[in-house]
Protein backbone atom coordinates (compact mmCIF):
# COMPACT_ATOMS: atom_id res chain seq x y z
CA TYR A 1 -2.27 32.76 20.39
CA ARG A 2 0.10 33.30 17.48
CA GLU A 3 3.22 32.82 19.60
CA VAL A 4 1.93 29.55 21.08
CA ALA A 5 0.68 28.23 17.72
CA GLU A 6 3.92 29.06 15.92
CA GLY A 7 6.00 27.58 18.73
CA LEU A 8 3.94 24.39 18.68
CA ASP A 9 4.21 24.13 14.90
CA SER A 10 7.98 24.57 15.18
CA VAL A 11 8.23 21.65 17.62
CA LEU A 12 6.01 19.48 15.43
CA ALA A 13 8.05 20.31 12.32
CA ARG A 14 11.19 19.07 14.07
CA HIS A 15 9.32 15.78 14.52
CA GLY A 16 8.24 15.49 10.89
CA TYR A 17 4.82 17.21 10.87
CA VAL A 18 4.71 20.49 8.96
CA ARG A 19 1.68 22.78 9.11
CA GLU A 20 0.20 23.53 5.71
CA GLY A 21 -2.94 25.66 5.97
CA ASN A 22 -5.39 23.74 8.14
CA PHE A 23 -3.60 20.38 8.14
CA TYR A 24 -0.19 18.85 8.76
CA ARG A 25 1.94 17.35 6.05
CA ALA A 26 3.52 14.17 7.39
CA GLU A 27 6.99 14.61 5.95
CA SER A 28 8.49 12.06 8.28
CA PRO A 29 5.59 10.14 9.88
CA ASN A 30 6.51 8.47 13.14
CA ARG A 31 5.22 7.28 16.49
CA ASP A 32 7.23 9.70 18.62
CA THR A 33 5.78 10.69 21.95
CA LEU A 34 6.03 14.37 22.85
CA VAL A 35 5.28 15.50 26.39
CA LEU A 36 4.42 19.14 27.04
CA PHE A 37 3.72 20.70 30.43
CA CYS A 38 1.58 23.84 30.54
CA HIS A 39 -1.32 25.59 32.19
CA PHE A 40 -4.96 25.20 31.17
CA GLY A 41 -5.08 28.39 29.10
CA VAL A 42 -2.12 27.42 26.95
CA THR A 43 -3.47 23.87 26.65
CA CYS A 44 -6.68 25.31 25.19
CA VAL A 45 -4.74 27.43 22.69
CA MET A 46 -2.74 24.41 21.53
CA LEU A 47 -5.84 22.20 21.30
CA GLY A 48 -7.72 24.88 19.39
CA HIS A 49 -4.84 25.21 16.94
CA LEU A 50 -4.39 21.47 16.44
CA LEU A 51 -8.10 20.64 16.21
CA GLY A 52 -9.24 23.70 14.27
CA ILE A 53 -11.62 25.02 16.93
CA SER A 54 -11.76 28.24 18.89
CA PRO A 55 -9.86 28.10 22.17
CA ALA A 56 -12.62 30.29 23.64
CA VAL A 57 -14.99 27.31 23.46
CA LEU A 58 -12.48 25.28 25.44
CA TRP A 59 -11.72 28.06 27.95
CA HIS A 60 -15.39 28.58 28.78
CA GLY A 61 -16.85 25.10 28.37
CA PHE A 62 -14.10 22.76 29.60
CA VAL A 63 -11.93 22.49 32.67
CA ALA A 64 -8.66 20.66 33.24
CA ALA A 65 -7.51 20.53 36.83
CA PRO A 66 -3.87 21.11 37.74
CA THR A 67 -1.79 17.97 37.08
CA SER A 68 -4.46 16.58 34.74
CA VAL A 69 -3.43 14.77 31.58
CA THR A 70 -4.60 15.48 28.04
CA GLN A 71 -3.59 13.11 25.28
CA LEU A 72 -3.66 13.60 21.51
CA TYR A 73 -2.40 11.44 18.72
CA THR A 74 -2.02 11.80 15.00
CA GLU A 75 -3.99 9.92 12.39
CA GLU A 76 -2.81 9.62 8.82
CA ARG A 77 -6.13 8.83 7.10
CA GLU A 78 -4.70 9.91 3.78
CA GLN A 79 -1.04 9.20 3.05
CA GLY A 80 1.07 12.21 3.89
CA ILE A 81 -1.72 14.14 5.66
CA ALA A 82 -1.87 14.01 9.46
CA SER A 83 -4.78 15.03 11.66
CA PHE A 84 -4.81 15.33 15.43
CA ARG A 85 -7.41 13.64 17.60
CA CYS A 86 -7.95 14.14 21.33
CA GLN A 87 -8.19 10.80 23.10
CA MET A 88 -8.25 12.13 26.66
CA PHE A 89 -8.82 15.59 28.13
CA GLY A 90 -8.19 16.66 31.70
CA ASP A 91 -7.82 13.12 33.03
CA VAL A 92 -7.18 12.93 36.80
CA SER A 93 -7.38 9.16 37.29
CA HIS A 94 -3.76 9.14 38.51
CA LEU A 95 -4.82 11.37 41.41
CA TYR A 96 -7.68 9.09 42.41
CA ALA A 97 -5.34 6.09 42.13
CA GLY A 98 -2.99 7.81 44.58
CA GLY A 99 -5.79 8.74 46.98
CA GLU A 100 -5.65 12.44 46.10
CA PRO A 101 -8.70 14.49 45.17
CA PRO A 102 -8.36 16.78 42.15
CA ALA A 103 -7.98 20.48 42.91
CA PHE A 104 -10.95 22.81 42.56
CA ALA A 105 -8.69 25.27 40.73
CA ALA A 106 -9.91 26.41 37.30
CA ARG A 107 -13.52 25.97 38.35
CA PHE A 108 -16.05 28.51 39.52
CA CYS A 109 -18.74 28.06 42.14
CA GLU A 110 -21.44 25.57 41.28
CA THR A 111 -24.09 27.73 42.93
CA TYR A 112 -23.54 31.43 43.39
CA ASP A 113 -24.37 31.34 47.09
CA CYS A 114 -21.47 28.97 47.85
CA PHE A 115 -18.84 31.47 48.95
CA GLU A 116 -16.33 28.75 49.89
CA GLU A 117 -15.85 28.17 46.17
CA ARG A 118 -14.29 30.52 43.62
CA HIS A 119 -16.44 33.33 42.24
């Protein structure tokens, strides 16, 4: 967790957002778009860090299929203080648009007696 959080904060600092306790100081506010590619577990760690929630809640209560898209943006409600907000989590609309079903990966069986699904 610490390695991911510190690495993420380092990237954000290079783009003008410096972590200060539980918020980000907008030293150089901007509308840059950063694109990160990672697995579900790391996504949950980053979201937990940015949103101030436990990643365990995300790991156990959410699912993001492979190739899904999660989108956050910053909000500067008070000048110089940036907060992150999740606009989209685990979106797979691009797969449906391309005629592809989302993978079952990251999910467990819906009913325990369905042995074709992951247990």
